[in-house]
């Protein structure tokens, strides 16, 4: 197809992983990646592992470095780190040097009686400081293309941030400094205040009148995200000069 990058991921999220500890799954992924190293290099293709809701940033770095940075890198998504209770800026600082592509997705992150809530929102309307993230991107991965990829209309997800058993079971090697930074982000945030049609549509049969509202909202959220990316972040195609 001509693309120099092939996207892959370890798992949809931490809870979808098969039995076994995370280090075991990282080792399996490293072994699989190394098995196709020659083919990837021969075809001048790099494998981009998407930052999903599965690993912490330092674990992604371990995976890339052990597999081989000559043919493996990172598909850096700013919308997923919040689901593993990590500040997207920490993700950028840790993985930016290995980024093969970068897509921006915003979130509101705020304290909730049952922990910390996160919800995807149009770019520029959440808690994350994207000017700061892009400043780091210009330093760490200036060569990558930047995309806006809003996914909205989903309800807030409550993370059991203060549940000791949750950390022990799912994130036993999480680092306190990284969580402290995420907690500071949540303390700055608030629930999304703008109107939004909220429904998780995956696998659902949607009534026509509701589907029309969702389609209108998705189009509007994409337009608002692009406008913010262009007017505030200064992104967009640059004119070619002689």
Protein backbone atom coordinates (compact mmCIF):
# COMPACT_ATOMS: atom_id res chain seq x y z
CA UNK A 1 0.00 0.00 0.00
CA UNK A 2 3.02 2.26 0.16
CA UNK A 3 2.78 3.31 3.82
CA UNK A 4 6.10 3.45 5.70
CA UNK A 5 4.31 2.70 8.99
CA UNK A 6 2.25 -0.28 10.15
CA UNK A 7 0.09 0.26 13.24
CA UNK A 8 -0.38 -2.41 15.87
CA UNK A 9 -1.15 -2.61 19.58
CA UNK A 10 -0.68 -4.90 22.51
CA UNK A 11 -4.31 -4.99 23.73
CA UNK A 12 -7.50 -2.97 23.67
CA UNK A 13 -7.02 -2.18 27.34
CA UNK A 14 -5.35 -3.59 30.44
CA UNK A 15 -8.44 -5.60 31.36
CA UNK A 16 -8.57 -7.39 27.98
CA UNK A 17 -5.15 -8.95 28.36
CA UNK A 18 -4.92 -12.73 28.70
CA UNK A 19 -3.88 -14.26 32.03
CA UNK A 20 -0.33 -13.55 33.14
CA UNK A 21 1.59 -10.53 34.32
CA UNK A 22 2.29 -7.53 32.12
CA UNK A 23 6.00 -8.26 31.81
CA UNK A 24 5.13 -11.65 30.32
CA UNK A 25 2.96 -10.00 27.65
CA UNK A 26 5.66 -7.44 26.87
CA UNK A 27 8.19 -10.25 26.42
CA UNK A 28 5.79 -12.06 24.06
CA UNK A 29 5.33 -8.90 22.01
CA UNK A 30 9.08 -8.35 21.83
CA UNK A 31 9.57 -11.92 20.60
CA UNK A 32 6.89 -11.52 17.93
CA UNK A 33 8.28 -8.21 16.73
CA UNK A 34 11.82 -9.58 16.48
CA UNK A 35 10.51 -12.47 14.40
CA UNK A 36 9.50 -10.03 11.61
CA UNK A 37 12.44 -7.65 11.92
CA UNK A 38 14.12 -8.73 8.68
CA UNK A 39 10.90 -8.41 6.66
CA UNK A 40 10.17 -4.98 8.10
CA UNK A 41 13.66 -3.67 7.38
CA UNK A 42 13.75 -5.24 3.90
CA UNK A 43 10.50 -3.47 3.03
CA UNK A 44 11.53 -0.22 4.75
CA UNK A 45 8.54 -0.38 7.05
CA UNK A 46 8.44 0.60 10.70
CA UNK A 47 6.00 -0.93 13.16
CA UNK A 48 4.20 1.67 15.28
CA UNK A 49 2.79 0.40 18.57
CA UNK A 50 -0.20 2.49 19.54
CA UNK A 51 -0.35 3.98 23.01
CA UNK A 52 -3.59 2.36 24.09
CA UNK A 53 -5.30 1.65 27.42
CA UNK A 54 -2.94 -1.18 28.26
CA UNK A 55 0.60 -0.15 29.24
CA UNK A 56 2.18 2.72 31.13
CA UNK A 57 4.56 4.97 29.20
CA UNK A 58 7.72 3.50 30.71
CA UNK A 59 6.48 0.01 29.81
CA UNK A 60 5.94 1.08 26.18
CA UNK A 61 9.49 2.44 26.19
CA UNK A 62 10.81 -0.87 27.48
CA UNK A 63 8.89 -2.72 24.77
CA UNK A 64 10.23 -0.54 21.95
CA UNK A 65 13.81 -0.54 23.17
CA UNK A 66 13.92 -4.30 23.71
CA UNK A 67 12.31 -5.04 20.33
CA UNK A 68 14.61 -2.67 18.45
CA UNK A 69 14.25 1.03 17.69
CA UNK A 70 15.58 0.46 14.17
CA UNK A 71 12.19 -0.91 13.10
CA UNK A 72 9.78 -0.36 16.01
CA UNK A 73 8.37 2.94 17.27
CA UNK A 74 5.33 4.51 18.86
CA UNK A 75 1.93 5.54 17.50
CA UNK A 76 1.43 8.28 20.08
CA UNK A 77 -2.20 8.86 21.07
CA UNK A 78 -2.84 11.57 23.67
CA UNK A 79 -6.37 10.31 24.43
CA UNK A 80 -5.54 6.93 25.93
CA UNK A 81 -3.00 7.65 28.71
CA UNK A 82 -5.69 9.10 30.98
CA UNK A 83 -7.37 5.68 31.08
CA UNK A 84 -4.30 4.20 32.77
CA UNK A 85 -4.16 7.23 35.09
CA UNK A 86 -1.22 8.86 33.38
CA UNK A 87 -0.78 12.48 32.34
CA UNK A 88 -0.50 12.73 28.52
CA UNK A 89 2.46 15.06 28.98
CA UNK A 90 4.30 12.28 30.84
CA UNK A 91 3.56 10.02 27.89
CA UNK A 92 4.96 12.55 25.46
CA UNK A 93 8.10 13.13 27.52
CA UNK A 94 8.75 9.39 27.85
CA UNK A 95 7.89 8.26 24.33
CA UNK A 96 8.21 11.31 22.09
CA UNK A 97 11.66 10.37 20.85
CA UNK A 98 10.21 7.11 19.47
CA UNK A 99 7.04 8.58 17.96
CA UNK A 100 6.39 7.67 14.32
CA UNK A 101 3.07 9.49 14.26
CA UNK A 102 1.10 11.63 16.70
CA UNK A 103 -2.63 12.10 17.02
CA UNK A 104 -4.32 14.48 19.38
CA UNK A 105 -7.43 13.69 21.40
CA UNK A 106 -8.64 15.77 24.32
CA UNK A 107 -10.19 14.74 27.63
CA UNK A 108 -11.81 16.28 30.64
CA UNK A 109 -10.18 14.82 33.76
CA UNK A 110 -11.68 15.61 37.14
CA UNK A 111 -12.19 14.33 40.66
CA UNK A 112 -15.23 12.18 41.35
CA UNK A 113 -16.64 10.69 44.57
CA UNK A 114 -15.59 7.23 43.33
CA UNK A 115 -12.18 8.23 42.03
CA UNK A 116 -11.24 10.23 38.94
CA UNK A 117 -13.48 10.68 35.90
CA UNK A 118 -12.26 10.95 32.31
CA UNK A 119 -14.25 11.73 29.18
CA UNK A 120 -13.16 12.43 25.63
CA UNK A 121 -14.21 15.84 24.28
CA UNK A 122 -13.48 17.98 21.20
CA UNK A 123 -9.89 19.15 20.92
CA UNK A 124 -9.24 22.27 23.00
CA UNK A 125 -12.26 21.80 25.26
CA UNK A 126 -10.72 19.53 27.89
CA UNK A 127 -8.20 19.64 30.71
CA UNK A 128 -5.05 18.84 28.72
CA UNK A 129 -2.67 21.64 27.70
CA UNK A 130 -1.93 20.85 24.05
CA UNK A 131 0.32 23.84 23.52
CA UNK A 132 2.64 22.33 26.12
CA UNK A 133 2.40 18.87 24.54
CA UNK A 134 3.21 20.23 21.07
CA UNK A 135 6.15 22.21 22.43
CA UNK A 136 7.63 18.91 23.59
CA UNK A 137 6.70 17.24 20.30
CA UNK A 138 8.59 19.89 18.32
CA UNK A 139 11.65 19.08 20.38
CA UNK A 140 11.34 15.28 20.60
CA UNK A 141 9.71 14.27 17.31
CA UNK A 142 9.67 17.26 14.94
CA UNK A 143 9.51 14.99 11.89
CA UNK A 144 6.14 13.34 12.64
CA UNK A 145 2.80 14.20 11.12
CA UNK A 146 0.18 15.37 13.63
CA UNK A 147 -3.47 14.37 13.36
CA UNK A 148 -6.64 15.41 15.14
CA UNK A 149 -8.72 12.36 16.03
CA UNK A 150 -11.70 13.32 18.21
CA UNK A 151 -13.91 10.57 19.59
CA UNK A 152 -16.83 11.99 21.54
CA UNK A 153 -20.36 11.13 22.65
CA UNK A 154 -19.24 8.56 25.21
CA UNK A 155 -20.13 8.81 28.90
CA UNK A 156 -17.50 9.65 31.52
CA UNK A 157 -15.49 6.68 32.72
CA UNK A 158 -14.80 6.50 36.45
CA UNK A 159 -11.32 5.28 37.37
CA UNK A 160 -11.03 3.73 40.86
CA UNK A 161 -7.96 5.83 41.61
CA UNK A 162 -8.03 5.28 45.38
CA UNK A 163 -8.81 1.56 45.35
CA UNK A 164 -5.71 -0.25 46.60
CA UNK A 165 -6.88 -3.61 45.23
CA UNK A 166 -7.35 -2.14 41.76
CA UNK A 167 -3.76 -0.89 41.68
CA UNK A 168 -2.43 -4.12 43.10
CA UNK A 169 -4.27 -6.28 40.56
CA UNK A 170 -3.98 -4.23 37.38
CA UNK A 171 -1.09 -1.79 37.83
CA UNK A 172 1.25 -3.33 40.42
CA UNK A 173 4.30 -1.54 38.99
CA UNK A 174 2.76 1.90 38.63
CA UNK A 175 4.97 4.75 39.78
CA UNK A 176 3.78 7.16 42.44
CA UNK A 177 5.32 10.22 40.79
CA UNK A 178 3.42 9.53 37.57
CA UNK A 179 0.13 9.13 39.43
CA UNK A 180 0.78 12.31 41.43
CA UNK A 181 1.12 14.22 38.18
CA UNK A 182 -2.12 12.74 36.86
CA UNK A 183 -3.89 13.57 40.14
CA UNK A 184 -2.72 17.18 39.84
CA UNK A 185 -4.27 17.28 36.36
CA UNK A 186 -7.57 15.96 37.74
CA UNK A 187 -7.60 18.61 40.46
CA UNK A 188 -7.47 21.27 37.73
CA UNK A 189 -10.36 19.76 35.77
CA UNK A 190 -14.14 19.82 35.87
CA UNK A 191 -17.00 17.92 34.20
CA UNK A 192 -17.65 18.83 30.58
CA UNK A 193 -19.98 21.80 30.56
CA UNK A 194 -21.00 21.98 26.89
CA UNK A 195 -24.03 20.10 25.52
CA UNK A 196 -23.26 16.59 24.28
CA UNK A 197 -25.36 13.70 23.09
CA UNK A 198 -23.89 10.88 25.15
CA UNK A 199 -24.22 7.21 24.30
CA UNK A 200 -21.81 4.34 23.75
CA UNK A 201 -22.76 3.27 20.23
CA UNK A 202 -20.61 0.18 19.82
CA UNK A 203 -22.70 -2.86 18.95
CA UNK A 204 -25.97 -0.94 19.31
CA UNK A 205 -28.92 -0.64 16.93
CA UNK A 206 -29.45 3.13 16.82
CA UNK A 207 -32.92 4.66 16.13
CA UNK A 208 -32.80 6.83 12.98
CA UNK A 209 -33.65 10.08 14.78
CA UNK A 210 -30.93 9.47 17.36
CA UNK A 211 -28.41 8.47 14.69
CA UNK A 212 -29.01 11.77 12.92
CA UNK A 213 -28.22 13.70 16.11
CA UNK A 214 -25.02 11.69 16.65
CA UNK A 215 -23.88 12.24 13.07
CA UNK A 216 -24.51 15.98 13.35
CA UNK A 217 -22.57 16.09 16.63
CA UNK A 218 -19.65 14.11 15.26
CA UNK A 219 -19.34 16.42 12.27
CA UNK A 220 -19.52 19.50 14.47
CA UNK A 221 -16.97 18.13 16.95
CA UNK A 222 -14.55 17.32 14.14
CA UNK A 223 -14.94 20.84 12.75
CA UNK A 224 -14.40 22.42 16.18
CA UNK A 225 -11.34 20.25 16.76
CA UNK A 226 -9.83 21.16 13.41
CA UNK A 227 -10.53 24.84 14.00
CA UNK A 228 -8.74 24.70 17.36
CA UNK A 229 -5.81 22.79 15.84
CA UNK A 230 -5.46 25.36 13.08
CA UNK A 231 -6.19 28.61 14.90
CA UNK A 232 -4.76 27.93 18.36
CA UNK A 233 -2.11 25.27 17.82
CA UNK A 234 -0.99 26.51 14.42
CA UNK A 235 -1.32 23.10 12.79
CA UNK A 236 -2.16 22.45 9.17
CA UNK A 237 -0.48 22.01 5.83
CA UNK A 238 2.35 24.49 5.44
CA UNK A 239 2.88 26.20 2.08
CA UNK A 240 5.93 25.05 0.15
CA UNK A 241 8.44 27.84 -0.34
CA UNK A 242 11.25 27.93 -2.86
